Amino acid sequence: MTPQERAHTWLNPIFDLETQSQVKQLIEHDDEELVDAFYKELAFGTGGMRGVLGVGTNRINKYTLGKATQGLSNYLKKRYPSKNLSAVIAYDCRHQSDTLGRLVAEIFSANGIEVSLFSALRTTPELSFAVKHLSADIGIVLTASHNPPEYNGYKVYWNDGGQIVPPEDNEIIAEIQGLDYSAIRFDAKEDCIALIDKEVDKAFFEASIKHGSLGQGDRNLFSLVFTSIHGTSITAVPQVLQQAGFKNVHIVEEQAIVDPDFSTVLSPNPEEPEALSMAIQLAEHLDADLVIGTDPDSDRLGIAARETSGGLKILNGNQAMIVLTEYLLAHHKKRGFNGNEFIASTIVSTPMIAIMAEQYGVRFEQTLTGFKWIGKLIKDHPELSFIGGGEESYGYMVGDFVRDKDAVTSSLLAAEIACELKSRGLTLYDYLLDCYVKYGLYQERLISITKKGQSGAEEIEAMMKGFRSHPPKEVAGEPVVKIEDYHSQEIVNIQTGERTPILLPKANVIILETTKGSRIAARPSGTEPKIKFYFSVHTPLDDAANYSMQKEILEERIDQIVTALDLD
């Protein structure tokens, strides 16, 4: 079916008059926009369904989300035919999140599923926590995480509090794809919907403090600046910090205003340094010790720490993961390991985490990109104890009481570490450099290339096919010695010809490794119209005083690799 033919099916009376009117306008006036809105069905990616708000099969609207919710309802009723089913629903600060959250609740209720709906916006980690806390069968959060303002999305959580993973995900997707829009039940049963808020907040805050409040510093002598970047974390992070004893928490008031347009930043993503600029400016004015910022649904964490020289320096996602993991490992070592502990990270994150696990003698697990895979590890291995873990995209999880990226607890842990270090005359940045001396200096970089629409998706597919079918034999003078292809699920040693199976699920990712240990990964984003290239290089570091010089050398090496791959 062509996009035009698919668009005409939305003129059927099962769609409301406003939707039909908008579709007619697309048909009459905007062929390019029509194609993008209808060329495919919106699909589940790395972090659920995300898309631009609007009419069409490739858009977030009452019908695409309604179809997903009806499919979920049908799946749950088939799987648990004699169970009284329940769902928890949260939503973030984005355009239509509240109304779409209510819509999802109504569709569940129409199917006889009891719904606990947050009365106002709440963070994604609290939703994950609430699913387990309330013994629900399913959880939904309406969010597009860090995507631009025109986006919204729909993340689905299973009864363990983690995002849906195999085999449930494919079974649910098949159920959704088999539905017609006419099957959506919009006839809400209001007595099946109950609002929740403060009781769950209290339990979540207490659990966050229990897992994240580990430091020994004097919190009265420590100050930090926090920004929610117009998002949901304003409902949780300041409260958790204050209840944990941090009294000198200064909020960027301009960005504490819930704003779906994120009007004070170019992007609400703490991966972008500009997103923390107002917080850093306030911290410099107040001479604060630390800056913390989170993305709209509070699963990503940005940190700026004081250098020894006194200035504030932003830590990237890998660096934040390094300091948080090092502290947790040291803390657990003091208490005594039981022999069943593990930490986890992803295939495109810094290899340094595996080195840290080896030196502490704990198990390291590597997963595909996305915290749903770390959540699956915890679910599949109840005999193991999860210490913590993260990924390069500014996400971290402390313990297993939440089963997704948790910027609330991670913010508290970062403050605890920095506070304790201050009492010893050190900073979080000093702690990072000590880790580099201990484990080796790893330098990473991410390059994202945006390709929008159907033609963009085709370009990304062609780039991946080319990279896979004709991988370079050498990159910037470094011979390639190993190719990891997660689509064919095989590792090939170029020098020996040895082939080793990859035991992770199939994914559209390919990673090259050179004789110097440089790693280059390529993967299409699961949440945005982008192809991403990840670079990691490393060298020993004998003294923290030599960090700047060695970092510059590694940056030059990455520059050479980027140029060799024609990506600059």
Protein backbone atom coordinates (compact mmCIF):
# COMPACT_ATOMS: atom_id res chain seq x y z
CA MET A 1 0.00 0.00 0.00
CA THR A 2 1.40 3.39 -0.99
CA PRO A 3 1.48 6.31 1.48
CA GLN A 4 -1.32 7.96 -0.50
CA GLU A 5 -3.49 4.83 -0.36
CA ARG A 6 -2.80 4.45 3.36
CA ALA A 7 -3.75 8.10 3.91
CA HIS A 8 -7.10 7.61 2.19
CA THR A 9 -7.97 4.82 4.64
CA TRP A 10 -7.85 7.47 7.38
CA LEU A 11 -10.84 9.21 5.78
CA ASN A 12 -12.97 6.33 7.06
CA PRO A 13 -15.66 7.31 9.64
CA ILE A 14 -13.85 5.28 12.35
CA PHE A 15 -11.49 8.29 12.53
CA ASP A 16 -12.85 11.49 14.08
CA LEU A 17 -13.73 14.50 11.94
CA GLU A 18 -10.70 16.53 13.05
CA THR A 19 -8.35 13.72 12.02
CA GLN A 20 -10.11 13.32 8.68
CA SER A 21 -9.83 17.05 8.05
CA GLN A 22 -6.09 17.07 8.76
CA VAL A 23 -5.56 14.06 6.50
CA LYS A 24 -7.50 15.77 3.69
CA GLN A 25 -5.22 18.79 3.98
CA LEU A 26 -2.16 16.54 3.65
CA ILE A 27 -3.65 14.81 0.61
CA GLU A 28 -4.47 18.12 -1.07
CA HIS A 29 -1.46 20.26 -0.20
CA ASP A 30 1.63 18.47 1.09
CA ASP A 31 2.81 15.38 -0.70
CA GLU A 32 6.19 15.29 1.09
CA GLU A 33 4.61 15.58 4.53
CA LEU A 34 1.96 13.01 3.60
CA VAL A 35 4.60 10.48 2.55
CA ASP A 36 6.51 10.94 5.81
CA ALA A 37 3.31 10.62 7.86
CA PHE A 38 2.06 7.47 6.12
CA TYR A 39 4.99 5.62 4.51
CA LYS A 40 5.24 3.15 7.39
CA GLU A 41 3.68 2.07 10.66
CA LEU A 42 5.29 3.58 13.77
CA ALA A 43 7.34 0.77 15.32
CA PHE A 44 8.91 -0.09 18.67
CA GLY A 45 12.60 0.85 18.76
CA THR A 46 15.38 0.98 21.37
CA GLY A 47 13.20 2.91 23.83
CA GLY A 48 9.61 2.12 22.82
CA MET A 49 7.64 4.04 20.21
CA ARG A 50 8.68 7.60 19.43
CA GLY A 51 7.62 9.92 16.68
CA VAL A 52 6.46 13.36 15.66
CA LEU A 53 2.99 14.34 16.90
CA GLY A 54 0.38 14.46 14.17
CA VAL A 55 -1.96 12.42 12.02
CA GLY A 56 -0.72 9.35 10.19
CA THR A 57 0.52 5.82 10.73
CA ASN A 58 4.08 7.11 11.27
CA ARG A 59 3.01 9.69 13.85
CA ILE A 60 2.12 9.79 17.54
CA ASN A 61 -1.64 10.30 17.87
CA LYS A 62 -4.71 8.84 19.56
CA TYR A 63 -5.01 6.11 16.93
CA THR A 64 -1.43 4.84 16.76
CA LEU A 65 -1.20 4.83 20.55
CA GLY A 66 -4.76 3.54 20.78
CA LYS A 67 -3.91 0.60 18.54
CA ALA A 68 -0.81 -0.16 20.61
CA THR A 69 -2.81 -0.02 23.84
CA GLN A 70 -5.60 -2.20 22.45
CA GLY A 71 -3.01 -4.73 21.28
CA LEU A 72 -1.42 -4.74 24.73
CA SER A 73 -4.84 -5.24 26.33
CA ASN A 74 -5.61 -8.18 24.03
CA TYR A 75 -2.20 -9.72 24.70
CA LEU A 76 -2.53 -9.45 28.47
CA LYS A 77 -6.02 -10.97 28.46
CA LYS A 78 -4.87 -13.89 26.32
CA ARG A 79 -1.78 -14.51 28.45
CA TYR A 80 -3.56 -14.17 31.80
CA PRO A 81 -7.17 -15.14 31.05
CA SER A 82 -8.22 -15.58 34.68
CA LYS A 83 -6.25 -12.70 36.25
CA ASN A 84 -7.52 -9.33 37.40
CA LEU A 85 -5.19 -7.23 35.29
CA SER A 86 -3.73 -3.88 36.27
CA ALA A 87 -1.67 -1.10 34.67
CA VAL A 88 0.25 1.96 35.85
CA ILE A 89 0.49 5.03 33.61
CA ALA A 90 2.71 8.10 33.89
CA TYR A 91 3.42 10.97 31.54
CA ASP A 92 6.02 13.67 31.14
CA CYS A 93 5.97 17.38 30.23
CA ARG A 94 5.57 17.10 26.47
CA HIS A 95 2.80 18.36 24.24
CA GLN A 96 -0.30 16.17 24.67
CA SER A 97 1.38 13.84 27.19
CA ASP A 98 -1.36 14.40 29.76
CA THR A 99 -4.24 13.90 27.32
CA LEU A 100 -2.57 10.91 25.67
CA GLY A 101 -1.86 9.43 29.10
CA ARG A 102 -5.55 9.78 29.95
CA LEU A 103 -6.50 8.24 26.59
CA VAL A 104 -4.30 5.20 27.22
CA ALA A 105 -5.85 4.81 30.68
CA GLU A 106 -9.34 4.94 29.18
CA ILE A 107 -8.57 2.26 26.59
CA PHE A 108 -7.15 -0.06 29.24
CA SER A 109 -10.22 0.57 31.38
CA ALA A 110 -12.54 -0.14 28.44
CA ASN A 111 -10.90 -3.56 28.30
CA GLY A 112 -11.55 -4.20 31.99
CA ILE A 113 -7.98 -3.49 33.12
CA GLU A 114 -7.61 -1.59 36.39
CA VAL A 115 -5.49 1.54 35.91
CA SER A 116 -3.40 3.54 38.36
CA LEU A 117 -2.84 6.88 36.62
CA PHE A 118 -0.46 9.48 38.04
CA SER A 119 -2.40 12.66 38.76
CA ALA A 120 0.32 14.86 37.26
CA LEU A 121 3.61 14.48 35.43
CA ARG A 122 6.12 12.06 36.96
CA THR A 123 9.57 10.74 36.06
CA THR A 124 10.20 7.60 34.05
CA PRO A 125 12.19 5.94 36.89
CA GLU A 126 9.23 6.45 39.24
CA LEU A 127 6.96 4.73 36.71
CA SER A 128 9.36 1.78 36.53
CA PHE A 129 9.43 1.64 40.33
CA ALA A 130 5.64 1.94 40.59
CA VAL A 131 5.01 -1.09 38.37
CA LYS A 132 6.75 -3.36 40.89
CA HIS A 133 5.63 -1.41 43.94
CA LEU A 134 1.96 -1.73 42.95
CA SER A 135 2.35 -5.30 41.57
CA ALA A 136 0.99 -4.18 38.20
CA ASP A 137 1.04 -6.30 35.06
CA ILE A 138 2.06 -3.49 32.72
CA GLY A 139 3.35 0.07 32.86
CA ILE A 140 3.25 2.87 30.30
CA VAL A 141 4.98 6.23 30.30
CA LEU A 142 4.14 8.87 27.71
CA THR A 143 7.50 10.42 26.86
CA ALA A 144 9.94 11.09 24.05
CA SER A 145 12.84 11.34 26.48
CA HIS A 146 15.41 13.81 25.09
CA ASN A 147 13.98 14.15 21.57
CA PRO A 148 12.99 17.57 20.11
CA PRO A 149 9.73 19.29 21.19
CA GLU A 150 7.67 18.05 18.24
CA TYR A 151 8.11 14.44 19.42
CA ASN A 152 6.23 12.29 21.88
CA GLY A 153 6.35 8.60 22.63
CA TYR A 154 5.18 5.51 24.46
CA LYS A 155 7.39 3.24 26.56
CA VAL A 156 6.04 -0.10 27.76
CA TYR A 157 7.14 -1.80 30.98
CA TRP A 158 6.53 -5.40 32.00
CA ASN A 159 5.63 -6.64 35.50
CA ASP A 160 9.28 -6.66 36.63
CA GLY A 161 9.49 -2.89 36.05
CA GLY A 162 11.74 -3.30 33.01
CA GLN A 163 10.89 -2.41 29.42
CA ILE A 164 9.43 -5.16 27.27
CA VAL A 165 12.05 -7.52 25.81
CA PRO A 166 11.96 -10.91 24.05
CA PRO A 167 9.86 -12.94 23.93
CA GLU A 168 7.08 -10.61 25.10
CA ASP A 169 8.04 -7.70 22.84
CA ASN A 170 7.70 -9.60 19.56
CA GLU A 171 4.49 -11.28 20.72
CA ILE A 172 3.01 -7.90 21.67
CA ILE A 173 4.13 -6.30 18.40
CA ALA A 174 2.51 -9.16 16.44
CA GLU A 175 -0.72 -8.64 18.38
CA ILE A 176 -0.68 -4.90 17.62
CA GLN A 177 0.12 -5.38 13.93
CA GLY A 178 -2.77 -7.80 13.57
CA LEU A 179 -5.31 -5.17 14.68
CA ASP A 180 -7.39 -2.77 12.66
CA TYR A 181 -7.97 0.74 14.00
CA SER A 182 -11.66 -0.09 14.24
CA ALA A 183 -10.85 -2.56 17.04
CA ILE A 184 -9.74 0.20 19.45
CA ARG A 185 -12.09 0.46 22.43
CA PHE A 186 -12.53 4.09 23.44
CA ASP A 187 -15.53 3.41 25.73
CA ALA A 188 -13.85 4.18 29.06
CA LYS A 189 -14.97 2.68 32.36
CA GLU A 190 -14.18 5.46 34.79
CA ASP A 191 -14.53 3.22 37.84
CA CYS A 192 -11.49 1.27 36.60
CA ILE A 193 -9.24 4.36 36.74
CA ALA A 194 -7.71 5.56 40.03
CA LEU A 195 -5.37 8.53 40.44
CA ILE A 196 -2.10 8.04 42.33
CA ASP A 197 0.55 10.47 43.53
CA LYS A 198 1.95 11.14 47.02
CA GLU A 199 1.94 7.59 48.41
CA VAL A 200 3.95 6.28 45.47
CA ASP A 201 6.18 9.39 45.56
CA LYS A 202 7.00 8.71 49.21
CA ALA A 203 7.91 5.06 48.58
CA PHE A 204 10.01 5.96 45.53
CA PHE A 205 11.89 8.74 47.32
CA GLU A 206 12.66 6.44 50.26
CA ALA A 207 13.95 3.71 47.95
CA SER A 208 16.05 6.21 46.00
CA ILE A 209 17.64 7.54 49.20
CA LYS A 210 18.27 4.02 50.49
CA HIS A 211 20.22 3.09 47.33
CA GLY A 212 21.86 6.43 46.54
CA SER A 213 22.71 8.02 49.89
CA LEU A 214 26.05 6.31 50.53
CA GLY A 215 28.54 9.14 51.09
CA GLN A 216 30.26 10.24 54.29
CA GLY A 217 30.74 13.98 53.60
CA ASP A 218 29.28 16.96 55.43
CA ARG A 219 26.23 17.85 53.35
CA ASN A 220 25.89 21.21 55.13
CA LEU A 221 29.18 22.36 53.59
CA PHE A 222 28.29 21.23 50.07
CA SER A 223 26.30 23.16 47.48
CA LEU A 224 25.00 22.21 44.07
CA VAL A 225 22.99 23.67 41.25
CA PHE A 226 20.22 21.61 39.69
CA THR A 227 18.24 22.08 36.50
CA SER A 228 15.30 19.98 35.33
CA ILE A 229 15.56 21.59 31.85
CA HIS A 230 11.77 22.17 31.95
CA GLY A 231 11.07 18.49 32.59
CA THR A 232 9.61 16.07 35.10
CA SER A 233 12.60 15.79 37.44
CA ILE A 234 11.46 18.95 39.20
CA THR A 235 8.94 16.59 40.88
CA ALA A 236 11.63 14.31 42.30
CA VAL A 237 15.32 15.30 42.24
CA PRO A 238 15.17 18.37 44.54
CA GLN A 239 12.94 16.47 46.97
CA VAL A 240 15.25 13.44 47.12
CA LEU A 241 18.36 15.60 47.53
CA GLN A 242 16.79 17.61 50.33
CA GLN A 243 15.43 14.56 52.15
CA ALA A 244 18.91 13.03 51.94
CA GLY A 245 20.31 16.05 53.79
CA PHE A 246 21.43 18.40 51.01
CA LYS A 247 20.16 21.80 52.09
CA ASN A 248 22.17 23.94 49.67
CA VAL A 249 20.37 22.90 46.48
CA HIS A 250 20.01 25.83 44.08
CA ILE A 251 17.48 25.38 41.29
CA VAL A 252 17.68 27.13 37.92
CA GLU A 253 14.26 28.73 38.30
CA GLU A 254 13.86 29.68 34.63
CA GLN A 255 14.19 26.00 33.71
CA ALA A 256 12.07 24.73 36.63
CA ILE A 257 9.02 25.87 34.67
CA VAL A 258 7.41 22.90 32.91
CA ASP A 259 7.64 23.82 29.23
CA PRO A 260 7.04 21.35 26.38
CA ASP A 261 8.88 23.66 23.98
CA PHE A 262 12.03 23.70 26.16
CA SER A 263 12.31 27.38 25.32
CA THR A 264 15.59 28.15 27.12
CA VAL A 265 17.67 25.47 25.35
CA LEU A 266 18.39 24.35 21.82
CA SER A 267 17.90 20.74 22.94
CA PRO A 268 16.65 19.33 26.28
CA ASN A 269 19.36 16.68 26.14
CA PRO A 270 22.14 16.81 28.78
CA GLU A 271 24.38 15.18 26.18
CA GLU A 272 24.50 18.65 24.62
CA PRO A 273 26.76 21.00 26.63
CA GLU A 274 24.51 23.96 25.83
CA ALA A 275 21.68 22.35 27.82
CA LEU A 276 23.68 22.86 31.04
CA SER A 277 24.93 26.37 30.26
CA MET A 278 22.42 28.24 32.46
CA ALA A 279 23.10 25.88 35.37
CA ILE A 280 26.86 26.29 34.99
CA GLN A 281 26.48 30.08 34.86
CA LEU A 282 24.49 30.02 38.12
CA ALA A 283 26.99 27.64 39.72
CA GLU A 284 29.89 29.94 38.85
CA HIS A 285 27.99 32.87 40.35
CA LEU A 286 27.30 30.93 43.57
CA ASP A 287 30.66 29.11 43.61
CA ALA A 288 28.70 25.84 43.85
CA ASP A 289 30.55 22.53 44.00
CA LEU A 290 28.53 20.59 41.43
CA VAL A 291 26.02 20.97 38.59
CA ILE A 292 23.37 18.37 37.82
CA GLY A 293 20.87 18.43 34.96
CA THR A 294 18.38 15.89 33.67
CA ASP A 295 16.42 15.33 30.48
CA PRO A 296 12.62 15.77 30.17
CA ASP A 297 11.61 12.39 31.63
CA SER A 298 14.52 12.24 34.08
CA ASP A 299 16.29 9.14 32.86
CA ARG A 300 19.43 10.90 31.57
CA LEU A 301 21.90 12.68 33.81
CA GLY A 302 24.34 15.49 33.03
CA ILE A 303 27.11 16.44 35.48
CA ALA A 304 29.55 19.34 35.63
CA ALA A 305 32.25 19.03 38.32
CA ARG A 306 34.97 21.32 39.60
CA GLU A 307 38.46 20.82 38.21
CA THR A 308 41.41 21.16 40.57
CA SER A 309 41.96 24.60 39.06
CA GLY A 310 38.45 25.59 40.14
CA GLY A 311 36.53 25.73 36.86
CA LEU A 312 33.52 23.58 36.08
CA LYS A 313 33.99 20.76 33.60
CA ILE A 314 31.18 18.72 32.02
CA LEU A 315 31.57 14.96 32.30
CA ASN A 316 30.35 12.97 29.32
CA GLY A 317 28.17 9.90 29.73
CA ASN A 318 31.06 7.47 29.83
CA GLN A 319 32.93 9.57 32.39
CA ALA A 320 29.88 9.86 34.66
CA MET A 321 29.42 6.10 34.42
CA ILE A 322 33.08 5.57 35.37
CA VAL A 323 32.96 7.63 38.58
CA LEU A 324 29.58 6.29 39.70
CA THR A 325 30.63 2.69 39.07
CA GLU A 326 34.03 3.09 40.73
CA TYR A 327 32.41 4.49 43.86
CA LEU A 328 29.79 1.74 44.01
CA LEU A 329 32.43 -0.96 43.54
CA ALA A 330 34.62 0.53 46.26
CA HIS A 331 31.59 0.83 48.57
CA HIS A 332 30.57 -2.80 48.04
CA LYS A 333 34.16 -3.97 48.46
CA LYS A 334 34.31 -2.33 51.90
CA ARG A 335 31.17 -4.19 52.89
CA GLY A 336 32.56 -7.41 51.45
CA PHE A 337 31.58 -9.04 48.17
CA ASN A 338 29.33 -12.09 48.28
CA GLY A 339 30.62 -13.47 44.99
CA ASN A 340 27.41 -12.96 43.02
CA GLU A 341 27.69 -9.25 42.21
CA PHE A 342 27.76 -7.88 38.69
CA ILE A 343 27.90 -4.58 36.82
CA ALA A 344 26.74 -3.98 33.26
CA SER A 345 27.17 -1.72 30.28
CA THR A 346 26.51 -1.74 26.54
CA ILE A 347 28.45 -2.66 23.44
CA VAL A 348 28.94 0.99 22.37
CA SER A 349 29.99 2.29 25.79
CA THR A 350 33.53 2.63 27.12
CA PRO A 351 35.45 -0.67 27.40
CA MET A 352 36.87 0.68 30.67
CA ILE A 353 33.89 -0.65 32.66
CA ALA A 354 34.91 -4.24 31.87
CA ILE A 355 38.46 -3.48 33.09
CA MET A 356 37.06 -2.09 36.34
CA ALA A 357 34.97 -5.21 36.94
CA GLU A 358 38.00 -7.42 36.32
CA GLN A 359 40.15 -5.54 38.83
CA TYR A 360 37.44 -5.71 41.51
CA GLY A 361 36.79 -9.37 40.77
CA VAL A 362 33.11 -8.94 39.98
CA ARG A 363 31.18 -10.18 37.00
CA PHE A 364 30.74 -7.91 33.98
CA GLU A 365 27.84 -8.25 31.57
CA GLN A 366 27.68 -6.48 28.21
CA THR A 367 24.37 -5.86 26.48
CA LEU A 368 22.95 -4.31 23.37
CA THR A 369 22.18 -0.58 23.47
CA GLY A 370 19.24 0.24 25.73
CA PHE A 371 18.57 -0.27 29.41
CA LYS A 372 15.85 -2.78 28.67
CA TRP A 373 18.65 -5.30 28.13
CA ILE A 374 20.22 -4.55 31.51
CA GLY A 375 16.77 -4.96 33.03
CA LYS A 376 16.44 -8.31 31.28
CA LEU A 377 19.76 -9.46 32.76
CA ILE A 378 18.49 -8.70 36.25
CA LYS A 379 15.21 -10.50 35.55
CA ASP A 380 16.89 -13.55 34.00
CA HIS A 381 19.49 -13.92 36.77
CA PRO A 382 17.78 -13.60 40.17
CA GLU A 383 20.74 -15.43 41.69
CA LEU A 384 22.97 -12.44 40.89
CA SER A 385 23.14 -9.06 42.65
CA PHE A 386 23.23 -5.98 40.43
CA ILE A 387 25.50 -3.22 41.76
CA GLY A 388 25.04 -0.64 39.03
CA GLY A 389 25.60 0.07 35.40
CA GLY A 390 25.10 2.50 32.57
CA GLU A 391 25.65 3.45 28.99
CA GLU A 392 27.40 6.22 27.12
CA SER A 393 24.16 8.08 26.45
CA TYR A 394 24.13 9.62 29.94
CA GLY A 395 22.04 6.89 31.57
CA TYR A 396 22.80 5.12 34.84
CA MET A 397 21.01 2.74 37.21
CA VAL A 398 21.89 2.15 40.88
CA GLY A 399 20.79 -1.25 42.16
CA ASP A 400 17.71 -3.00 40.82
CA PHE A 401 14.78 -1.29 42.55
CA VAL A 402 14.27 0.64 39.29
CA ARG A 403 14.74 -1.24 36.02
CA ASP A 404 15.57 1.63 33.69
CA LYS A 405 17.85 4.63 33.51
CA ASP A 406 17.33 6.54 36.75
CA ALA A 407 18.56 10.12 36.86
CA VAL A 408 16.87 10.67 40.24
CA THR A 409 18.95 8.18 42.23
CA SER A 410 22.01 8.80 40.05
CA SER A 411 21.80 12.53 40.80
CA LEU A 412 21.78 11.76 44.51
CA LEU A 413 24.71 9.35 44.19
CA ALA A 414 26.74 11.91 42.21
CA ALA A 415 26.08 14.52 44.91
CA GLU A 416 27.03 12.05 47.66
CA ILE A 417 30.33 11.19 45.98
CA ALA A 418 31.23 14.82 45.27
CA CYS A 419 30.32 15.80 48.84
CA GLU A 420 32.52 13.08 50.35
CA LEU A 421 35.39 14.00 48.05
CA LYS A 422 35.11 17.67 49.04
CA SER A 423 35.64 16.69 52.68
CA ARG A 424 38.93 15.13 51.54
CA GLY A 425 39.95 18.18 49.51
CA LEU A 426 39.13 16.54 46.18
CA THR A 427 36.55 16.90 43.42
CA LEU A 428 34.60 14.50 41.26
CA TYR A 429 36.91 15.44 38.41
CA ASP A 430 39.97 14.47 40.49
CA TYR A 431 38.26 11.13 41.13
CA LEU A 432 37.82 10.60 37.39
CA LEU A 433 41.51 11.27 36.72
CA ASP A 434 42.46 8.82 39.45
CA CYS A 435 40.36 6.22 37.65
CA TYR A 436 42.24 6.93 34.41
CA VAL A 437 45.57 6.41 36.18
CA LYS A 438 44.28 3.19 37.74
CA TYR A 439 42.66 1.62 34.66
CA GLY A 440 44.05 3.49 31.64
CA LEU A 441 42.85 6.57 29.81
CA TYR A 442 39.88 5.85 27.53
CA GLN A 443 38.69 8.60 25.21
CA GLU A 444 35.36 8.32 23.42
CA ARG A 445 33.44 10.35 20.87
CA LEU A 446 30.03 10.10 19.24
CA ILE A 447 29.11 11.41 15.81
CA SER A 448 25.41 11.44 14.87
CA ILE A 449 24.25 12.02 11.32
CA THR A 450 20.59 12.97 10.88
CA LYS A 451 18.67 11.58 7.89
CA LYS A 452 14.96 12.40 8.04
CA GLY A 453 12.00 10.80 6.32
CA GLN A 454 11.70 7.77 4.06
CA SER A 455 14.66 8.81 1.91
CA GLY A 456 16.73 9.33 5.05
CA ALA A 457 15.85 5.88 6.35
CA GLU A 458 16.93 4.43 3.00
CA GLU A 459 20.22 6.35 3.15
CA ILE A 460 20.94 5.04 6.65
CA GLU A 461 20.19 1.50 5.52
CA ALA A 462 22.53 1.93 2.55
CA MET A 463 25.31 3.29 4.79
CA MET A 464 25.02 0.31 7.12
CA LYS A 465 25.00 -2.13 4.19
CA GLY A 466 28.10 -0.50 2.74
CA PHE A 467 29.94 -0.51 6.06
CA ARG A 468 29.00 -4.17 6.53
CA SER A 469 29.77 -5.45 3.03
CA HIS A 470 32.98 -3.43 2.52
CA PRO A 471 34.50 -2.78 5.94
CA PRO A 472 37.84 -0.95 5.84
CA LYS A 473 40.95 -3.10 6.15
CA GLU A 474 42.73 -0.32 7.98
CA VAL A 475 41.69 2.97 9.53
CA ALA A 476 44.11 5.91 9.82
CA GLY A 477 47.08 3.57 9.59
CA GLU A 478 45.67 1.08 12.10
CA PRO A 479 44.94 -2.37 10.61
CA VAL A 480 41.51 -3.75 11.47
CA VAL A 481 41.90 -7.04 13.34
CA LYS A 482 38.35 -7.83 14.43
CA ILE A 483 34.84 -7.23 13.10
CA GLU A 484 31.83 -7.72 15.36
CA ASP A 485 28.62 -7.94 13.33
CA TYR A 486 25.58 -8.08 15.58
CA HIS A 487 23.29 -8.64 12.62
CA SER A 488 25.00 -11.87 11.55
CA GLN A 489 25.80 -12.47 15.26
CA GLU A 490 29.42 -13.28 14.54
CA ILE A 491 32.88 -11.98 15.44
CA VAL A 492 35.54 -12.42 12.76
CA ASN A 493 39.24 -12.26 13.60
CA ILE A 494 40.80 -10.86 10.41
CA GLN A 495 44.29 -12.13 11.24
CA THR A 496 43.40 -15.73 12.07
CA GLY A 497 40.08 -16.15 10.26
CA GLU A 498 38.55 -17.45 13.47
CA ARG A 499 34.79 -16.94 13.76
CA THR A 500 33.10 -16.65 17.15
CA PRO A 501 29.34 -16.50 17.69
CA ILE A 502 27.80 -13.47 19.40
CA LEU A 503 25.34 -14.66 22.01
CA LEU A 504 23.38 -11.40 22.24
CA PRO A 505 20.12 -10.88 20.28
CA LYS A 506 20.40 -9.82 16.66
CA ALA A 507 20.88 -6.06 16.15
CA ASN A 508 21.86 -3.72 13.34
CA VAL A 509 25.29 -2.86 14.78
CA ILE A 510 28.79 -3.41 13.45
CA ILE A 511 31.99 -2.76 15.42
CA LEU A 512 35.57 -2.69 14.14
CA GLU A 513 38.64 -3.08 16.35
CA THR A 514 42.17 -2.19 15.28
CA THR A 515 45.62 -3.42 16.29
CA LYS A 516 45.89 -0.49 18.73
CA GLY A 517 42.61 -1.40 20.39
CA SER A 518 40.69 1.47 18.78
CA ARG A 519 36.99 0.67 18.39
CA ILE A 520 34.59 2.08 15.79
CA ALA A 521 30.90 1.20 16.05
CA ALA A 522 28.06 2.07 13.68
CA ARG A 523 24.35 1.73 14.42
CA PRO A 524 21.12 3.41 13.38
CA SER A 525 19.37 5.09 16.30
CA GLY A 526 16.31 3.28 17.61
CA THR A 527 14.58 6.52 18.65
CA GLU A 528 15.64 9.21 16.15
CA PRO A 529 16.25 9.46 12.38
CA LYS A 530 20.00 9.18 12.84
CA ILE A 531 22.94 6.92 12.20
CA LYS A 532 25.47 6.97 15.02
CA PHE A 533 29.21 6.33 14.95
CA TYR A 534 30.99 5.63 18.24
CA PHE A 535 34.76 5.91 18.65
CA SER A 536 36.90 4.67 21.54
CA VAL A 537 40.69 4.86 21.87
CA HIS A 538 42.94 4.41 24.88
CA THR A 539 46.44 4.67 26.30
CA PRO A 540 48.08 4.17 29.71
CA LEU A 541 48.20 7.22 32.00
CA ASP A 542 51.07 7.24 34.50
CA ASP A 543 50.17 10.49 36.25
CA ALA A 544 47.05 12.65 36.44
CA ALA A 545 49.25 15.67 35.67
CA ASN A 546 49.75 14.25 32.15
CA TYR A 547 46.03 13.87 31.46
CA SER A 548 45.60 16.94 29.25
CA MET A 549 48.54 16.04 27.04
CA GLN A 550 47.50 12.39 26.64
CA LYS A 551 43.87 13.38 26.05
CA GLU A 552 44.95 15.68 23.23
CA ILE A 553 46.91 12.85 21.62
CA LEU A 554 43.88 10.56 21.80
CA GLU A 555 41.59 13.26 20.41
CA GLU A 556 43.97 13.66 17.46
CA ARG A 557 43.83 9.91 16.89
CA ILE A 558 40.02 10.03 16.80
CA ASP A 559 40.21 13.01 14.40
CA GLN A 560 42.37 10.91 12.07
CA ILE A 561 39.93 7.98 12.23
CA VAL A 562 36.96 10.24 11.54
CA THR A 563 38.76 11.77 8.55
CA ALA A 564 39.75 8.34 7.23
CA LEU A 565 36.10 7.24 7.33
CA ASP A 566 35.03 10.50 5.62
CA LEU A 567 32.72 11.47 8.49
CA ASP A 568 34.04 14.98 9.19
